Every structure is written in structure tokens, then in C-alpha cells.
């Protein structure tokens, strides 16, 4: 009988609910602050948010970002500032998706989608250029042939930034402190970051006890 006892595990599992997911046809929902593939955002009027300051490249611990800024053409400016991101490249063979570039960006130009399922047969495809990173006219990520999108994985591209900015302070919870995005407008702030603290107890001072004083005129102590 001992040789058949192992089949007992198989027989018991046959009648239990299946936990298998039909990946990749059916994907598990990702967290709202998931770190995925980057995008370069635009303002609501279509102008680019990147000003070519290179702060994202300077803070990147993997040295996977390369940025070169250029002066805005006076007759056809690309961004609202004096400069714009003329060259913007991310090497996803190096990127560790730490999101430090998102925190460093002063104009909220670079954020991350929830997409992480992309692979390359050519090393050159892993280096995303500005044309591939910049969102389209609807504010959506430009989807590449080697990426496996589920449909709405670029819906909340700045969720992680809104949850941690500025500096993760809970006093900013519920405040809108960022600019609108092309195709999405001004996104609503994320709530529920701070624990519900109990109301502080107000301590009332006890009434002061009467101070004994000497009545010099009558030579006895009296209560004032």
C-alpha cells in the first residue's frame, strides 16, 4: 500500500478549486503603484513636459538614462521652458525600475506604466528613444511590437509619484500638487496614505488652589 499512498495527494487535489491562471491571456491585476515601462508625458495643450535638465540621468543609479537638452525654437517651442529634451534614451537592459528618475524630475515629465512584459531579440530595441517614450496625441504610451499590453496598463502612469510626492509627507494627502496630463487632465490625488489618527485629547488645566497669604494689617493668613 505504501507505494500507492503518494497518489492520495493527487486525488485530493483533483476535487479542489483550481488556482491556475491562464497567463498571458488573463493577467493578474497589478498594484496601483507598480513600477513598469517608462513614458514621457505632455501637458494638456500637447507641449512636452521634459525640459532637458538631465536630473533624471544624474540620479539614475544604473546609469541607463541619457538626456541632452536644447534651446527651444522661438517660433515653435517644444516645451514651455527655455529648453527641451532634444535627446532622451533609456537602456532597459540596465534599468532596475527604482523610480528615482520619477522623483527627481521637476516637471513630472517621466513616469512609469504598469507594463513589464517586454523582451528583445535585438539589443538595439532595448534602448528606447524619445520617439518611443513620448506619449501619443491621446496621452497613451506608444506600444511597441515586442511589448505585451493588457489594455489599461498605461492608465495610471503617475500613481506612484502622486502617492509619494512631495517627500512622502502625509500632510499633503489629498492635495493636488502636479500639473494636468494630455488625455487625462488633472488626476485626482490618492487618498488613504496616512493612518487614521485618534483625535488629540485636550487637557484642561486644574483650577489653581488658593494661595495662602499673610494679612499684614490683621496679622493672620487669608485666602486670595
C-alpha atoms as a PDB file:
ATOM      1  CA  UNK A   1       0.000   0.000   0.000  1.00  0.00           C
ATOM      2  CA  UNK A   2       2.913   2.294   0.701  1.00  0.00           C
ATOM      3  CA  UNK A   3       3.776   2.599  -2.947  1.00  0.00           C
ATOM      4  CA  UNK A   4       0.283   3.958  -3.748  1.00  0.00           C
ATOM      5  CA  UNK A   5      -0.021   6.371  -0.826  1.00  0.00           C
ATOM      6  CA  UNK A   6       1.529   9.164  -2.896  1.00  0.00           C
ATOM      7  CA  UNK A   7      -1.462   9.116  -5.212  1.00  0.00           C
ATOM      8  CA  UNK A   8      -3.599  10.264  -2.317  1.00  0.00           C
ATOM      9  CA  UNK A   9      -2.221  13.785  -2.682  1.00  0.00           C
ATOM     10  CA  UNK A  10      -3.139  13.813  -6.369  1.00  0.00           C
ATOM     11  CA  UNK A  11      -6.648  12.505  -5.754  1.00  0.00           C
ATOM     12  CA  UNK A  12      -7.319  15.111  -3.062  1.00  0.00           C
ATOM     13  CA  UNK A  13      -6.211  17.966  -5.302  1.00  0.00           C
ATOM     14  CA  UNK A  14      -8.404  16.807  -8.194  1.00  0.00           C
ATOM     15  CA  UNK A  15     -11.574  17.890  -6.396  1.00  0.00           C
ATOM     16  CA  UNK A  16     -10.349  21.250  -5.115  1.00  0.00           C
ATOM     17  CA  UNK A  17     -10.860  24.607  -6.916  1.00  0.00           C
ATOM     18  CA  UNK A  18      -8.192  25.358  -9.497  1.00  0.00           C
ATOM     19  CA  UNK A  19      -5.782  28.193  -8.793  1.00  0.00           C
ATOM     20  CA  UNK A  20      -4.140  28.169 -12.207  1.00  0.00           C
ATOM     21  CA  UNK A  21      -4.210  31.484 -14.083  1.00  0.00           C
ATOM     22  CA  UNK A  22      -4.397  31.451 -17.866  1.00  0.00           C
ATOM     23  CA  UNK A  23      -1.401  33.713 -18.357  1.00  0.00           C
ATOM     24  CA  UNK A  24      -0.760  35.589 -20.639  1.00  0.00           C
ATOM     25  CA  UNK A  25      -4.354  35.625 -21.931  1.00  0.00           C
ATOM     26  CA  UNK A  26      -5.562  36.572 -18.451  1.00  0.00           C
ATOM     27  CA  UNK A  27      -3.303  38.764 -16.342  1.00  0.00           C
ATOM     28  CA  UNK A  28      -3.423  39.319 -12.622  1.00  0.00           C
ATOM     29  CA  UNK A  29      -4.299  42.917 -11.664  1.00  0.00           C
ATOM     30  CA  UNK A  30      -1.218  44.933 -10.800  1.00  0.00           C
ATOM     31  CA  UNK A  31      -0.791  47.265  -7.859  1.00  0.00           C
ATOM     32  CA  UNK A  32      -1.636  50.910  -8.437  1.00  0.00           C
ATOM     33  CA  UNK A  33       1.953  51.981  -7.712  1.00  0.00           C
ATOM     34  CA  UNK A  34       3.573  49.257  -9.802  1.00  0.00           C
ATOM     35  CA  UNK A  35       6.867  50.191 -11.495  1.00  0.00           C
ATOM     36  CA  UNK A  36       6.881  49.338 -15.196  1.00  0.00           C
ATOM     37  CA  UNK A  37       7.981  50.740 -18.525  1.00  0.00           C
ATOM     38  CA  UNK A  38       8.596  54.499 -18.637  1.00  0.00           C
ATOM     39  CA  UNK A  39       6.773  57.164 -20.635  1.00  0.00           C
ATOM     40  CA  UNK A  40       7.452  60.845 -21.282  1.00  0.00           C
ATOM     41  CA  UNK A  41       4.342  62.910 -20.586  1.00  0.00           C
ATOM     42  CA  UNK A  42       2.880  66.009 -22.194  1.00  0.00           C
ATOM     43  CA  UNK A  43       0.840  68.897 -20.849  1.00  0.00           C
ATOM     44  CA  UNK A  44      -2.838  69.144 -21.655  1.00  0.00           C
ATOM     45  CA  UNK A  45      -2.086  71.506 -24.553  1.00  0.00           C
ATOM     46  CA  UNK A  46       0.256  68.925 -26.105  1.00  0.00           C
ATOM     47  CA  UNK A  47       3.574  70.544 -25.163  1.00  0.00           C
ATOM     48  CA  UNK A  48       6.274  68.284 -23.772  1.00  0.00           C
ATOM     49  CA  UNK A  49       6.951  68.336 -20.050  1.00  0.00           C
ATOM     50  CA  UNK A  50      10.633  67.443 -20.364  1.00  0.00           C
ATOM     51  CA  UNK A  51      12.906  70.491 -20.177  1.00  0.00           C
ATOM     52  CA  UNK A  52      16.181  68.634 -20.730  1.00  0.00           C
ATOM     53  CA  UNK A  53      17.544  69.358 -17.251  1.00  0.00           C
ATOM     54  CA  UNK A  54      19.203  65.898 -17.086  1.00  0.00           C
ATOM     55  CA  UNK A  55      18.327  65.429 -13.399  1.00  0.00           C
ATOM     56  CA  UNK A  56      16.854  62.005 -14.142  1.00  0.00           C
ATOM     57  CA  UNK A  57      20.108  60.917 -15.780  1.00  0.00           C
ATOM     58  CA  UNK A  58      22.154  62.296 -12.894  1.00  0.00           C
ATOM     59  CA  UNK A  59      20.180  60.487 -10.186  1.00  0.00           C
ATOM     60  CA  UNK A  60      19.854  57.137 -12.015  1.00  0.00           C
ATOM     61  CA  UNK A  61      21.869  54.521 -10.060  1.00  0.00           C
ATOM     62  CA  UNK A  62      22.064  52.205 -13.089  1.00  0.00           C
ATOM     63  CA  UNK A  63      23.254  54.940 -15.482  1.00  0.00           C
ATOM     64  CA  UNK A  64      20.669  53.828 -18.020  1.00  0.00           C
ATOM     65  CA  UNK A  65      19.293  57.277 -18.958  1.00  0.00           C
ATOM     66  CA  UNK A  66      20.906  59.612 -21.469  1.00  0.00           C
ATOM     67  CA  UNK A  67      19.491  63.115 -21.961  1.00  0.00           C
ATOM     68  CA  UNK A  68      20.656  66.071 -23.985  1.00  0.00           C
ATOM     69  CA  UNK A  69      18.788  69.359 -23.820  1.00  0.00           C
ATOM     70  CA  UNK A  70      18.493  72.048 -26.467  1.00  0.00           C
ATOM     71  CA  UNK A  71      17.141  75.591 -26.649  1.00  0.00           C
ATOM     72  CA  UNK A  72      13.511  75.905 -27.621  1.00  0.00           C
ATOM     73  CA  UNK A  73      12.924  77.297 -31.117  1.00  0.00           C
ATOM     74  CA  UNK A  74      11.379  80.768 -30.630  1.00  0.00           C
ATOM     75  CA  UNK A  75       8.852  80.279 -33.427  1.00  0.00           C
ATOM     76  CA  UNK A  76       7.795  76.727 -32.467  1.00  0.00           C
ATOM     77  CA  UNK A  77       8.661  75.900 -28.819  1.00  0.00           C
ATOM     78  CA  UNK A  78       8.527  72.236 -27.832  1.00  0.00           C
ATOM     79  CA  UNK A  79       8.174  72.800 -24.084  1.00  0.00           C
ATOM     80  CA  UNK A  80       7.027  75.799 -22.014  1.00  0.00           C
ATOM     81  CA  UNK A  81      10.529  76.498 -20.693  1.00  0.00           C
ATOM     82  CA  UNK A  82      13.673  77.802 -22.340  1.00  0.00           C
ATOM     83  CA  UNK A  83      14.929  74.299 -23.142  1.00  0.00           C
ATOM     84  CA  UNK A  84      13.511  70.913 -24.026  1.00  0.00           C
ATOM     85  CA  UNK A  85      14.693  67.331 -24.156  1.00  0.00           C
ATOM     86  CA  UNK A  86      16.318  67.073 -27.587  1.00  0.00           C
ATOM     87  CA  UNK A  87      17.660  63.555 -26.972  1.00  0.00           C
ATOM     88  CA  UNK A  88      16.148  61.141 -24.447  1.00  0.00           C
ATOM     89  CA  UNK A  89      17.141  57.484 -24.257  1.00  0.00           C
ATOM     90  CA  UNK A  90      16.624  54.714 -21.692  1.00  0.00           C
ATOM     91  CA  UNK A  91      18.546  51.446 -21.862  1.00  0.00           C
ATOM     92  CA  UNK A  92      16.145  48.870 -20.427  1.00  0.00           C
ATOM     93  CA  UNK A  93      18.877  46.255 -20.279  1.00  0.00           C
ATOM     94  CA  UNK A  94      20.236  48.298 -17.348  1.00  0.00           C
ATOM     95  CA  UNK A  95      17.095  49.828 -15.835  1.00  0.00           C
ATOM     96  CA  UNK A  96      16.166  48.482 -12.386  1.00  0.00           C
ATOM     97  CA  UNK A  97      12.819  50.347 -12.197  1.00  0.00           C
ATOM     98  CA  UNK A  98      13.702  52.062  -8.938  1.00  0.00           C
ATOM     99  CA  UNK A  99      11.677  55.153  -9.966  1.00  0.00           C
ATOM    100  CA  UNK A 100      14.312  57.567  -8.698  1.00  0.00           C
ATOM    101  CA  UNK A 101      14.094  59.359 -12.048  1.00  0.00           C
ATOM    102  CA  UNK A 102      10.392  59.981 -11.388  1.00  0.00           C
ATOM    103  CA  UNK A 103      11.155  61.529  -8.019  1.00  0.00           C
ATOM    104  CA  UNK A 104      13.956  63.706  -9.388  1.00  0.00           C
ATOM    105  CA  UNK A 105      12.006  65.140 -12.322  1.00  0.00           C
ATOM    106  CA  UNK A 106      10.899  68.722 -11.506  1.00  0.00           C
ATOM    107  CA  UNK A 107       8.190  68.826 -14.200  1.00  0.00           C
ATOM    108  CA  UNK A 108       6.678  65.330 -13.800  1.00  0.00           C
ATOM    109  CA  UNK A 109       7.795  64.542 -17.332  1.00  0.00           C
ATOM    110  CA  UNK A 110       8.841  60.929 -16.779  1.00  0.00           C
ATOM    111  CA  UNK A 111       6.579  58.385 -15.099  1.00  0.00           C
ATOM    112  CA  UNK A 112       6.109  54.636 -15.317  1.00  0.00           C
ATOM    113  CA  UNK A 113       3.331  52.445 -16.658  1.00  0.00           C
ATOM    114  CA  UNK A 114       2.418  49.013 -15.288  1.00  0.00           C
ATOM    115  CA  UNK A 115       3.888  47.166 -18.245  1.00  0.00           C
ATOM    116  CA  UNK A 116       6.828  44.891 -17.512  1.00  0.00           C
ATOM    117  CA  UNK A 117       6.278  42.126 -20.075  1.00  0.00           C
ATOM    118  CA  UNK A 118       8.577  43.097 -22.893  1.00  0.00           C
ATOM    119  CA  UNK A 119      11.576  41.259 -24.290  1.00  0.00           C
ATOM    120  CA  UNK A 120      14.031  41.915 -27.070  1.00  0.00           C
ATOM    121  CA  UNK A 121      15.598  39.818 -29.782  1.00  0.00           C
ATOM    122  CA  UNK A 122      17.750  42.770 -30.810  1.00  0.00           C
ATOM    123  CA  UNK A 123      19.820  44.705 -28.271  1.00  0.00           C
ATOM    124  CA  UNK A 124      19.141  47.944 -30.132  1.00  0.00           C
ATOM    125  CA  UNK A 125      15.402  47.557 -29.411  1.00  0.00           C
ATOM    126  CA  UNK A 126      16.148  47.696 -25.671  1.00  0.00           C
ATOM    127  CA  UNK A 127      17.335  51.302 -25.987  1.00  0.00           C
ATOM    128  CA  UNK A 128      14.126  53.314 -26.121  1.00  0.00           C
ATOM    129  CA  UNK A 129      14.441  56.664 -27.846  1.00  0.00           C
ATOM    130  CA  UNK A 130      12.385  59.785 -27.297  1.00  0.00           C
ATOM    131  CA  UNK A 131      10.046  58.853 -30.157  1.00  0.00           C
ATOM    132  CA  UNK A 132       9.217  55.582 -28.391  1.00  0.00           C
ATOM    133  CA  UNK A 133       8.943  57.060 -24.903  1.00  0.00           C
ATOM    134  CA  UNK A 134       6.867  60.167 -25.671  1.00  0.00           C
ATOM    135  CA  UNK A 135       3.118  59.618 -25.315  1.00  0.00           C
ATOM    136  CA  UNK A 136       0.928  59.925 -28.399  1.00  0.00           C
ATOM    137  CA  UNK A 137      -1.726  62.539 -29.133  1.00  0.00           C
ATOM    138  CA  UNK A 138      -4.157  60.804 -26.744  1.00  0.00           C
ATOM    139  CA  UNK A 139      -1.643  60.713 -23.903  1.00  0.00           C
ATOM    140  CA  UNK A 140      -1.149  56.965 -24.220  1.00  0.00           C
ATOM    141  CA  UNK A 141       2.114  55.043 -24.381  1.00  0.00           C
ATOM    142  CA  UNK A 142       3.412  54.244 -27.845  1.00  0.00           C
ATOM    143  CA  UNK A 143       3.162  50.467 -27.864  1.00  0.00           C
ATOM    144  CA  UNK A 144       6.000  48.569 -29.456  1.00  0.00           C
ATOM    145  CA  UNK A 145       5.725  45.179 -31.251  1.00  0.00           C
ATOM    146  CA  UNK A 146       7.717  43.370 -28.550  1.00  0.00           C
ATOM    147  CA  UNK A 147       5.510  44.599 -25.687  1.00  0.00           C
ATOM    148  CA  UNK A 148       2.575  42.585 -24.306  1.00  0.00           C
ATOM    149  CA  UNK A 149      -0.053  45.133 -23.276  1.00  0.00           C
ATOM    150  CA  UNK A 150      -3.235  44.212 -21.402  1.00  0.00           C
ATOM    151  CA  UNK A 151      -5.162  47.322 -22.439  1.00  0.00           C
ATOM    152  CA  UNK A 152      -5.096  49.712 -19.480  1.00  0.00           C
ATOM    153  CA  UNK A 153      -1.578  49.309 -18.145  1.00  0.00           C
ATOM    154  CA  UNK A 154      -0.857  52.951 -19.008  1.00  0.00           C
ATOM    155  CA  UNK A 155      -3.983  54.281 -17.289  1.00  0.00           C
ATOM    156  CA  UNK A 156      -2.326  55.317 -14.010  1.00  0.00           C
ATOM    157  CA  UNK A 157       1.178  56.180 -15.119  1.00  0.00           C
ATOM    158  CA  UNK A 158       1.793  58.728 -12.354  1.00  0.00           C
ATOM    159  CA  UNK A 159       0.138  56.898  -9.459  1.00  0.00           C
ATOM    160  CA  UNK A 160       3.417  56.183  -7.682  1.00  0.00           C
ATOM    161  CA  UNK A 161       4.518  59.800  -8.000  1.00  0.00           C
ATOM    162  CA  UNK A 162       1.229  61.067  -6.588  1.00  0.00           C
ATOM    163  CA  UNK A 163       1.485  58.680  -3.670  1.00  0.00           C
ATOM    164  CA  UNK A 164       4.967  59.735  -2.601  1.00  0.00           C
ATOM    165  CA  UNK A 165       5.161  63.396  -3.569  1.00  0.00           C
ATOM    166  CA  UNK A 166       6.217  65.627  -2.032  1.00  0.00           C
ATOM    167  CA  UNK A 167       8.708  63.680   0.040  1.00  0.00           C
ATOM    168  CA  UNK A 168       6.083  61.245   1.273  1.00  0.00           C
ATOM    169  CA  UNK A 169       4.702  63.663   3.854  1.00  0.00           C
ATOM    170  CA  UNK A 170       1.207  62.689   4.967  1.00  0.00           C
ATOM    171  CA  UNK A 171       0.193  66.323   5.452  1.00  0.00           C
ATOM    172  CA  UNK A 172      -0.042  66.613   1.652  1.00  0.00           C
ATOM    173  CA  UNK A 173      -2.561  63.767   1.409  1.00  0.00           C
ATOM    174  CA  UNK A 174      -5.479  64.694  -0.800  1.00  0.00           C
ATOM    175  CA  UNK A 175      -3.817  67.812  -2.225  1.00  0.00           C
ATOM    176  CA  UNK A 176      -3.339  68.301  -5.950  1.00  0.00           C
ATOM    177  CA  UNK A 177       0.234  69.470  -6.456  1.00  0.00           C
ATOM    178  CA  UNK A 178       1.008  68.424 -10.016  1.00  0.00           C
ATOM    179  CA  UNK A 179       0.040  69.557 -13.491  1.00  0.00           C
ATOM    180  CA  UNK A 180      -2.504  68.106 -15.883  1.00  0.00           C
ATOM    181  CA  UNK A 181      -1.566  65.440 -18.417  1.00  0.00           C
ATOM    182  CA  UNK A 182      -2.563  65.108 -22.049  1.00  0.00           C
ATOM    183  CA  UNK A 183      -5.584  62.825 -22.339  1.00  0.00           C
ATOM    184  CA  UNK A 184      -6.160  62.593 -18.591  1.00  0.00           C
ATOM    185  CA  UNK A 185      -6.359  66.161 -17.290  1.00  0.00           C
ATOM    186  CA  UNK A 186      -5.541  66.804 -13.644  1.00  0.00           C
ATOM    187  CA  UNK A 187      -5.629  63.438 -11.975  1.00  0.00           C
ATOM    188  CA  UNK A 188      -7.290  63.045  -8.605  1.00  0.00           C
ATOM    189  CA  UNK A 189      -4.982  62.649  -5.605  1.00  0.00           C
ATOM    190  CA  UNK A 190      -4.523  59.294  -3.944  1.00  0.00           C
ATOM    191  CA  UNK A 191      -6.177  59.030  -0.545  1.00  0.00           C
ATOM    192  CA  UNK A 192      -5.624  56.829   2.459  1.00  0.00           C
ATOM    193  CA  UNK A 193      -1.862  57.146   2.847  1.00  0.00           C
ATOM    194  CA  UNK A 194      -1.925  58.267   6.464  1.00  0.00           C
ATOM    195  CA  UNK A 195      -3.332  56.142   9.238  1.00  0.00           C
ATOM    196  CA  UNK A 196      -6.446  57.492  10.886  1.00  0.00           C
ATOM    197  CA  UNK A 197      -5.035  59.067  13.981  1.00  0.00           C
ATOM    198  CA  UNK A 198      -7.235  59.489  17.047  1.00  0.00           C
ATOM    199  CA  UNK A 199      -8.342  62.945  17.954  1.00  0.00           C
ATOM    200  CA  UNK A 200      -5.859  64.517  20.362  1.00  0.00           C
ATOM    201  CA  UNK A 201      -7.085  64.741  23.906  1.00  0.00           C
ATOM    202  CA  UNK A 202      -7.300  68.291  25.144  1.00  0.00           C
ATOM    203  CA  UNK A 203      -6.041  68.525  28.686  1.00  0.00           C
ATOM    204  CA  UNK A 204      -7.826  71.066  30.809  1.00  0.00           C
ATOM    205  CA  UNK A 205      -5.791  72.691  33.496  1.00  0.00           C
ATOM    206  CA  UNK A 206      -6.937  72.015  37.042  1.00  0.00           C
ATOM    207  CA  UNK A 207      -8.206  75.053  38.921  1.00  0.00           C
ATOM    208  CA  UNK A 208      -5.464  76.732  40.862  1.00  0.00           C
ATOM    209  CA  UNK A 209      -5.555  76.207  44.573  1.00  0.00           C
ATOM    210  CA  UNK A 210      -5.872  79.340  46.684  1.00  0.00           C
ATOM    211  CA  UNK A 211      -2.556  80.713  47.768  1.00  0.00           C
ATOM    212  CA  UNK A 212      -2.188  81.450  51.414  1.00  0.00           C
ATOM    213  CA  UNK A 213      -1.034  84.978  52.075  1.00  0.00           C
ATOM    214  CA  UNK A 214      -0.417  86.883  55.255  1.00  0.00           C
ATOM    215  CA  UNK A 215      -2.782  89.701  56.007  1.00  0.00           C
ATOM    216  CA  UNK A 216      -0.289  92.196  57.359  1.00  0.00           C
ATOM    217  CA  UNK A 217      -2.989  94.531  58.630  1.00  0.00           C
ATOM    218  CA  UNK A 218      -4.734  91.938  60.802  1.00  0.00           C
ATOM    219  CA  UNK A 219      -1.751  89.670  61.332  1.00  0.00           C
ATOM    220  CA  UNK A 220      -3.397  86.462  60.027  1.00  0.00           C
ATOM    221  CA  UNK A 221      -3.316  84.312  56.910  1.00  0.00           C
ATOM    222  CA  UNK A 222      -6.036  84.745  54.352  1.00  0.00           C
ATOM    223  CA  UNK A 223      -7.002  83.012  51.105  1.00  0.00           C
ATOM    224  CA  UNK A 224      -6.655  85.075  47.953  1.00  0.00           C
END
